[in-house]
N, C-alpha and C. Protein backbone atom coordinates (compact mmCIF):
# COMPACT_ATOMS: atom_id res chain seq x y z
N MET A 1 115.69 103.10 114.48
CA MET A 1 114.73 102.87 113.41
C MET A 1 113.96 104.15 113.12
N LYS A 2 113.74 104.41 111.88
CA LYS A 2 112.93 105.54 111.47
C LYS A 2 111.64 104.99 110.87
N ASN A 3 110.61 104.92 111.67
CA ASN A 3 109.31 104.41 111.20
C ASN A 3 108.45 105.57 110.75
N VAL A 4 107.60 105.33 109.75
CA VAL A 4 106.65 106.35 109.32
C VAL A 4 105.29 105.98 109.88
N VAL A 5 104.64 106.94 110.53
CA VAL A 5 103.35 106.72 111.15
C VAL A 5 102.32 107.57 110.41
N ILE A 6 101.26 106.93 109.92
CA ILE A 6 100.23 107.64 109.20
C ILE A 6 98.94 107.56 110.01
N HIS A 7 98.40 108.71 110.39
CA HIS A 7 97.15 108.79 111.14
C HIS A 7 96.05 109.23 110.17
N GLN A 8 95.06 108.42 109.98
CA GLN A 8 93.95 108.76 109.10
C GLN A 8 92.74 107.99 109.62
N ILE A 9 92.18 108.43 110.72
CA ILE A 9 91.16 107.75 111.48
C ILE A 9 91.78 106.48 112.11
N VAL A 10 92.40 105.63 111.33
CA VAL A 10 93.20 104.53 111.87
C VAL A 10 94.66 104.93 111.75
N THR A 11 95.52 104.20 112.42
CA THR A 11 96.95 104.50 112.37
C THR A 11 97.68 103.34 111.74
N TRP A 12 98.44 103.66 110.72
CA TRP A 12 99.30 102.66 110.06
C TRP A 12 100.74 102.95 110.41
N ILE A 13 101.53 101.91 110.61
CA ILE A 13 102.96 102.06 110.86
C ILE A 13 103.72 101.29 109.79
N PHE A 14 104.64 101.99 109.14
CA PHE A 14 105.50 101.37 108.14
C PHE A 14 106.92 101.44 108.70
N THR A 15 107.48 100.28 109.02
CA THR A 15 108.79 100.25 109.64
C THR A 15 109.87 100.56 108.60
N GLU A 16 111.02 100.96 109.10
CA GLU A 16 112.14 101.25 108.22
C GLU A 16 112.51 100.04 107.35
N ASP A 17 112.49 98.85 107.97
CA ASP A 17 112.81 97.65 107.20
C ASP A 17 111.79 97.38 106.08
N GLN A 18 110.51 97.59 106.38
CA GLN A 18 109.48 97.41 105.34
C GLN A 18 109.67 98.43 104.23
N LEU A 19 109.94 99.66 104.59
CA LEU A 19 110.13 100.70 103.58
C LEU A 19 111.38 100.44 102.72
N ARG A 20 112.44 99.96 103.34
CA ARG A 20 113.67 99.64 102.61
C ARG A 20 113.42 98.54 101.59
N ALA A 21 112.69 97.50 102.02
CA ALA A 21 112.39 96.37 101.11
C ALA A 21 111.49 96.86 99.96
N TYR A 22 110.54 97.71 100.26
CA TYR A 22 109.65 98.24 99.21
C TYR A 22 110.44 99.11 98.23
N TRP A 23 111.38 99.89 98.75
CA TRP A 23 112.22 100.76 97.92
C TRP A 23 113.10 99.91 96.98
N LYS A 24 113.70 98.87 97.53
CA LYS A 24 114.56 97.97 96.71
C LYS A 24 113.74 97.33 95.60
N LYS A 25 112.50 96.96 95.90
CA LYS A 25 111.64 96.36 94.92
C LYS A 25 111.32 97.34 93.76
N GLN A 26 111.36 98.64 94.06
CA GLN A 26 111.06 99.66 93.06
C GLN A 26 112.23 99.87 92.10
N LYS A 27 113.44 99.41 92.51
CA LYS A 27 114.65 99.49 91.71
C LYS A 27 114.93 100.94 91.24
N LYS A 28 114.92 101.86 92.20
CA LYS A 28 115.19 103.28 91.90
C LYS A 28 116.72 103.46 91.93
N ASN A 29 117.19 104.49 91.25
CA ASN A 29 118.62 104.77 91.21
C ASN A 29 119.15 105.39 92.50
N LEU A 30 118.32 106.14 93.19
CA LEU A 30 118.73 106.81 94.43
C LEU A 30 118.80 105.78 95.56
N PRO A 31 119.92 105.77 96.34
CA PRO A 31 120.00 104.83 97.45
C PRO A 31 118.97 105.18 98.53
N PHE A 32 118.47 104.18 99.19
CA PHE A 32 117.47 104.36 100.24
C PHE A 32 117.94 105.36 101.30
N SER A 33 119.18 105.28 101.66
CA SER A 33 119.74 106.19 102.69
C SER A 33 119.76 107.64 102.23
N GLY A 34 119.61 107.89 100.94
CA GLY A 34 119.64 109.24 100.41
C GLY A 34 118.27 109.92 100.33
N LEU A 35 117.22 109.23 100.77
CA LEU A 35 115.89 109.82 100.72
C LEU A 35 115.76 110.99 101.69
N THR A 36 115.11 112.04 101.22
CA THR A 36 114.79 113.16 102.13
C THR A 36 113.61 112.75 102.99
N ASP A 37 113.34 113.52 104.04
CA ASP A 37 112.20 113.21 104.89
C ASP A 37 110.91 113.19 104.09
N ARG A 38 110.77 114.15 103.19
CA ARG A 38 109.55 114.24 102.34
C ARG A 38 109.43 113.00 101.46
N GLN A 39 110.51 112.56 100.85
CA GLN A 39 110.50 111.37 100.00
C GLN A 39 110.20 110.11 100.83
N TYR A 40 110.73 110.08 102.03
CA TYR A 40 110.53 108.94 102.93
C TYR A 40 109.06 108.79 103.28
N MET A 41 108.41 109.92 103.61
CA MET A 41 106.99 109.89 103.93
C MET A 41 106.16 109.56 102.69
N LYS A 42 106.55 110.11 101.55
CA LYS A 42 105.86 109.81 100.29
C LYS A 42 105.92 108.31 99.95
N LEU A 43 107.08 107.71 100.23
CA LEU A 43 107.26 106.29 99.98
C LEU A 43 106.26 105.47 100.81
N ALA A 44 106.09 105.84 102.07
CA ALA A 44 105.14 105.12 102.94
C ALA A 44 103.72 105.32 102.41
N GLU A 45 103.38 106.51 101.96
CA GLU A 45 102.04 106.74 101.42
C GLU A 45 101.83 105.94 100.13
N GLU A 46 102.85 105.83 99.32
CA GLU A 46 102.77 105.04 98.09
C GLU A 46 102.57 103.56 98.45
N MET A 47 103.30 103.09 99.45
CA MET A 47 103.18 101.73 99.90
C MET A 47 101.76 101.46 100.44
N LEU A 48 101.23 102.42 101.17
CA LEU A 48 99.85 102.35 101.67
C LEU A 48 98.86 102.22 100.52
N GLU A 49 99.04 103.08 99.54
CA GLU A 49 98.14 103.11 98.38
C GLU A 49 98.16 101.81 97.58
N HIS A 50 99.31 101.16 97.50
CA HIS A 50 99.45 99.98 96.66
C HIS A 50 99.38 98.65 97.43
N SER A 51 98.97 98.70 98.69
CA SER A 51 98.88 97.47 99.49
C SER A 51 97.48 96.90 99.41
N SER A 52 97.41 95.59 99.39
CA SER A 52 96.11 94.91 99.42
C SER A 52 95.57 95.00 100.85
N HIS A 53 94.31 94.62 101.02
CA HIS A 53 93.71 94.63 102.36
C HIS A 53 94.48 93.74 103.32
N SER A 54 94.89 92.57 102.86
CA SER A 54 95.63 91.66 103.73
C SER A 54 97.02 92.21 104.07
N GLN A 55 97.62 92.89 103.11
CA GLN A 55 98.92 93.51 103.36
C GLN A 55 98.79 94.66 104.35
N LEU A 56 97.69 95.42 104.26
CA LEU A 56 97.48 96.54 105.17
C LEU A 56 97.35 96.09 106.62
N GLU A 57 96.84 94.90 106.81
CA GLU A 57 96.66 94.36 108.17
C GLU A 57 97.95 94.40 108.97
N GLN A 58 99.09 94.14 108.33
CA GLN A 58 100.35 94.11 109.05
C GLN A 58 100.84 95.50 109.45
N HIS A 59 100.23 96.56 108.92
CA HIS A 59 100.64 97.92 109.24
C HIS A 59 99.74 98.59 110.28
N LEU A 60 98.58 98.00 110.56
CA LEU A 60 97.60 98.62 111.46
C LEU A 60 98.08 98.54 112.91
N LEU A 61 98.08 99.68 113.58
CA LEU A 61 98.44 99.75 114.99
C LEU A 61 97.47 98.92 115.81
N GLY A 62 98.00 98.05 116.65
CA GLY A 62 97.18 97.24 117.52
C GLY A 62 96.63 95.97 116.89
N ARG A 63 97.01 95.69 115.69
CA ARG A 63 96.54 94.50 114.99
C ARG A 63 97.72 93.56 114.74
N GLY A 64 97.90 92.58 115.57
CA GLY A 64 98.93 91.58 115.33
C GLY A 64 100.35 92.07 115.44
N TRP A 65 100.89 92.68 114.37
CA TRP A 65 102.30 93.00 114.31
C TRP A 65 102.68 94.36 114.92
N ARG A 66 101.94 95.39 114.61
CA ARG A 66 102.36 96.75 114.98
C ARG A 66 101.92 97.08 116.41
N THR A 67 102.85 97.64 117.17
CA THR A 67 102.58 97.99 118.58
C THR A 67 102.75 99.51 118.77
N LYS A 68 102.21 100.01 119.86
CA LYS A 68 102.31 101.46 120.11
C LYS A 68 103.75 101.90 120.30
N GLU A 69 104.64 101.00 120.74
CA GLU A 69 106.05 101.36 120.91
C GLU A 69 106.68 101.74 119.56
N GLU A 70 106.17 101.19 118.46
CA GLU A 70 106.70 101.50 117.14
C GLU A 70 106.27 102.87 116.64
N ALA A 71 105.38 103.52 117.37
CA ALA A 71 104.93 104.85 117.01
C ALA A 71 105.36 105.87 118.07
N GLU A 72 106.29 105.49 118.94
CA GLU A 72 106.77 106.37 120.00
C GLU A 72 108.23 106.66 119.83
N GLY A 73 108.61 107.89 120.11
CA GLY A 73 109.99 108.33 119.98
C GLY A 73 110.03 109.79 119.59
N LYS A 74 111.12 110.19 119.01
CA LYS A 74 111.29 111.60 118.62
C LYS A 74 110.70 111.81 117.22
N VAL A 75 109.87 112.82 117.09
CA VAL A 75 109.30 113.18 115.79
C VAL A 75 110.39 113.89 114.99
N ILE A 76 110.79 113.29 113.86
CA ILE A 76 111.83 113.88 113.01
C ILE A 76 111.23 114.84 112.00
N ALA A 77 110.11 114.44 111.42
CA ALA A 77 109.43 115.27 110.43
C ALA A 77 107.95 114.91 110.42
N GLU A 78 107.11 115.85 109.98
CA GLU A 78 105.68 115.57 109.87
C GLU A 78 105.07 116.40 108.77
N ASP A 79 103.96 115.91 108.27
CA ASP A 79 103.22 116.57 107.20
C ASP A 79 101.76 116.69 107.64
N GLU A 80 101.32 117.92 107.87
CA GLU A 80 99.96 118.20 108.28
C GLU A 80 99.25 119.02 107.22
N SER A 81 99.72 118.94 105.98
CA SER A 81 99.22 119.82 104.92
C SER A 81 97.86 119.43 104.39
N ARG A 82 97.44 118.19 104.64
CA ARG A 82 96.14 117.74 104.13
C ARG A 82 95.15 117.62 105.26
N GLU A 83 93.91 117.81 104.96
CA GLU A 83 92.93 117.87 106.02
C GLU A 83 92.49 116.52 106.60
N ASP A 84 92.77 115.42 105.92
CA ASP A 84 92.27 114.15 106.40
C ASP A 84 93.37 113.12 106.70
N ILE A 85 94.60 113.56 106.75
CA ILE A 85 95.70 112.63 107.00
C ILE A 85 96.85 113.39 107.68
N HIS A 86 97.52 112.69 108.59
CA HIS A 86 98.69 113.25 109.28
C HIS A 86 99.79 112.22 109.17
N VAL A 87 100.96 112.61 108.68
CA VAL A 87 102.06 111.69 108.47
C VAL A 87 103.27 112.20 109.27
N GLU A 88 103.97 111.28 109.91
CA GLU A 88 105.14 111.70 110.67
C GLU A 88 106.20 110.60 110.61
N ILE A 89 107.46 111.03 110.72
CA ILE A 89 108.58 110.10 110.86
C ILE A 89 108.97 110.12 112.32
N ILE A 90 109.02 108.96 112.91
CA ILE A 90 109.36 108.80 114.33
C ILE A 90 110.67 108.04 114.44
N ASP A 91 111.64 108.60 115.16
CA ASP A 91 112.88 107.88 115.45
C ASP A 91 112.65 107.11 116.74
N THR A 92 112.45 105.81 116.62
CA THR A 92 112.14 105.00 117.79
C THR A 92 113.35 104.71 118.66
N ASN A 93 114.56 105.06 118.16
CA ASN A 93 115.76 104.90 118.98
C ASN A 93 115.99 106.09 119.90
N ALA A 94 115.36 107.19 119.60
CA ALA A 94 115.50 108.40 120.43
C ALA A 94 114.48 108.35 121.55
N PRO A 95 114.79 109.00 122.68
CA PRO A 95 113.82 109.00 123.79
C PRO A 95 112.47 109.53 123.33
N ALA A 96 111.41 108.88 123.83
CA ALA A 96 110.05 109.30 123.46
C ALA A 96 109.77 110.69 123.98
N GLU A 97 109.17 111.48 123.15
CA GLU A 97 108.75 112.81 123.54
C GLU A 97 107.39 112.67 124.22
N PRO A 98 107.01 113.66 125.05
CA PRO A 98 105.70 113.59 125.65
C PRO A 98 104.65 113.45 124.54
N ARG A 99 103.74 112.50 124.69
CA ARG A 99 102.74 112.24 123.65
C ARG A 99 101.77 113.40 123.60
N ARG A 100 101.56 113.86 122.40
CA ARG A 100 100.49 114.81 122.22
C ARG A 100 99.35 114.03 121.59
N ARG A 101 98.19 114.26 122.08
CA ARG A 101 97.05 113.48 121.57
C ARG A 101 96.80 113.84 120.12
N MET A 102 96.71 112.80 119.29
CA MET A 102 96.49 112.99 117.86
C MET A 102 94.99 113.13 117.64
N LEU A 103 94.58 114.33 117.27
CA LEU A 103 93.18 114.57 116.98
C LEU A 103 93.03 114.86 115.51
N MET A 104 92.10 114.18 114.92
CA MET A 104 91.76 114.50 113.55
C MET A 104 90.80 115.67 113.64
N ASP A 105 91.34 116.88 113.74
CA ASP A 105 90.57 118.06 114.08
C ASP A 105 89.67 118.56 112.96
N ARG A 106 89.71 117.96 111.82
CA ARG A 106 88.85 118.40 110.74
C ARG A 106 87.71 117.45 110.49
N VAL A 107 87.55 116.47 111.35
CA VAL A 107 86.42 115.55 111.27
C VAL A 107 85.72 115.49 112.62
N ARG A 108 84.49 115.10 112.59
CA ARG A 108 83.72 114.98 113.81
C ARG A 108 83.31 113.52 113.98
N GLU A 109 83.41 113.01 115.17
CA GLU A 109 83.09 111.64 115.48
C GLU A 109 81.60 111.57 115.88
N ILE A 110 80.87 110.67 115.22
CA ILE A 110 79.44 110.50 115.50
C ILE A 110 79.21 109.03 115.90
N PRO A 111 78.91 108.76 117.19
CA PRO A 111 78.62 107.38 117.60
C PRO A 111 77.14 107.09 117.40
N CYS A 112 76.84 105.94 116.83
CA CYS A 112 75.44 105.53 116.65
C CYS A 112 74.92 104.99 117.97
N PRO A 113 73.80 105.52 118.49
CA PRO A 113 73.26 105.02 119.76
C PRO A 113 72.59 103.65 119.64
N HIS A 114 72.38 103.18 118.40
CA HIS A 114 71.68 101.91 118.20
C HIS A 114 72.62 100.71 118.10
N CYS A 115 73.76 100.88 117.41
CA CYS A 115 74.61 99.71 117.18
C CYS A 115 76.06 99.92 117.63
N SER A 116 76.38 101.03 118.21
CA SER A 116 77.71 101.39 118.69
C SER A 116 78.76 101.59 117.59
N PHE A 117 78.30 101.63 116.32
CA PHE A 117 79.22 101.94 115.22
C PHE A 117 79.55 103.43 115.32
N THR A 118 80.78 103.78 115.05
CA THR A 118 81.20 105.18 115.06
C THR A 118 81.62 105.57 113.66
N PHE A 119 81.10 106.69 113.17
CA PHE A 119 81.52 107.18 111.88
C PHE A 119 81.98 108.62 112.01
N TYR A 120 82.65 109.10 110.96
CA TYR A 120 83.27 110.40 111.00
C TYR A 120 82.81 111.22 109.82
N VAL A 121 82.59 112.51 110.06
CA VAL A 121 82.18 113.42 108.99
C VAL A 121 83.10 114.64 109.03
N ARG A 122 83.29 115.24 107.86
CA ARG A 122 84.11 116.44 107.81
C ARG A 122 83.39 117.53 108.59
N GLU A 123 84.13 118.34 109.29
CA GLU A 123 83.58 119.37 110.14
C GLU A 123 82.62 120.31 109.37
N ALA A 124 82.95 120.64 108.14
CA ALA A 124 82.12 121.55 107.35
C ALA A 124 80.75 120.93 107.08
N ALA A 125 80.67 119.62 107.02
CA ALA A 125 79.40 118.95 106.71
C ALA A 125 78.65 118.52 107.96
N SER A 126 79.12 118.93 109.12
CA SER A 126 78.57 118.38 110.36
C SER A 126 77.64 119.34 111.10
N GLU A 127 77.13 120.35 110.44
CA GLU A 127 76.23 121.31 111.09
C GLU A 127 74.89 120.68 111.43
N ARG A 128 74.52 119.64 110.75
CA ARG A 128 73.21 119.02 110.99
C ARG A 128 73.24 118.16 112.25
N SER A 129 72.05 117.79 112.70
CA SER A 129 71.98 116.96 113.90
C SER A 129 71.17 115.69 113.66
N ASP A 130 70.55 115.52 112.49
CA ASP A 130 69.82 114.30 112.15
C ASP A 130 70.72 113.42 111.30
N TRP A 131 70.84 112.13 111.70
CA TRP A 131 71.76 111.23 111.03
C TRP A 131 71.14 109.90 110.72
N THR A 132 71.68 109.21 109.76
CA THR A 132 71.35 107.82 109.46
C THR A 132 72.66 107.05 109.56
N CYS A 133 72.67 106.03 110.39
CA CYS A 133 73.89 105.25 110.60
C CYS A 133 74.20 104.45 109.34
N PRO A 134 75.43 104.56 108.84
CA PRO A 134 75.80 103.80 107.65
C PRO A 134 75.92 102.28 107.92
N ALA A 135 76.00 101.88 109.16
CA ALA A 135 76.15 100.46 109.47
C ALA A 135 74.79 99.76 109.64
N CYS A 136 73.92 100.34 110.48
CA CYS A 136 72.65 99.66 110.77
C CYS A 136 71.46 100.28 110.08
N GLY A 137 71.61 101.50 109.55
CA GLY A 137 70.52 102.16 108.83
C GLY A 137 69.52 102.88 109.69
N ASN A 138 69.67 102.84 111.01
CA ASN A 138 68.73 103.54 111.89
C ASN A 138 68.98 105.05 111.89
N HIS A 139 67.89 105.78 112.05
CA HIS A 139 67.95 107.25 112.12
C HIS A 139 68.06 107.67 113.58
N PHE A 140 68.76 108.75 113.82
CA PHE A 140 68.84 109.29 115.19
C PHE A 140 69.13 110.76 115.13
N HIS A 141 68.81 111.43 116.24
CA HIS A 141 69.03 112.86 116.39
C HIS A 141 70.13 113.05 117.43
N GLU A 142 71.11 113.81 117.07
CA GLU A 142 72.24 114.07 118.00
C GLU A 142 72.05 115.45 118.55
N SER A 143 72.01 115.58 119.88
CA SER A 143 71.89 116.90 120.47
C SER A 143 73.26 117.55 120.57
N LYS A 144 73.33 118.82 120.27
CA LYS A 144 74.60 119.57 120.33
C LYS A 144 74.90 119.83 121.79
N SER A 145 76.18 119.62 122.17
CA SER A 145 76.55 119.92 123.56
C SER A 145 77.39 121.14 123.64
């Protein structure tokens, strides 16, 4: 299976079968098997963009259907060209490669000490240390470590 894994704070998994069905629904002239790696990843991103909230639930890692095993295997191709998203094609039939920790290195994680909500800010905007939690509205000061 060639699954597409999209990391963007959360991780979505689009299985080969789901992508094939979505492609057939598009009624394109090119056969699904003829897609390049770039087209394959673009198809998953298009599917992500056009999915409803309830449809997205089936693609979320750790939520009901998608398991971590579906995101493990040999990395066939990846796209790291954008600062807030990482896309990769994983061959789940090939032996799993040693996992490298996926870090969204262009964002900073800010945990709220009041309500345990965690939010993320772009690194360029994170020089400040005074914050207002978007979930509970409380203000807090984060000390730099």
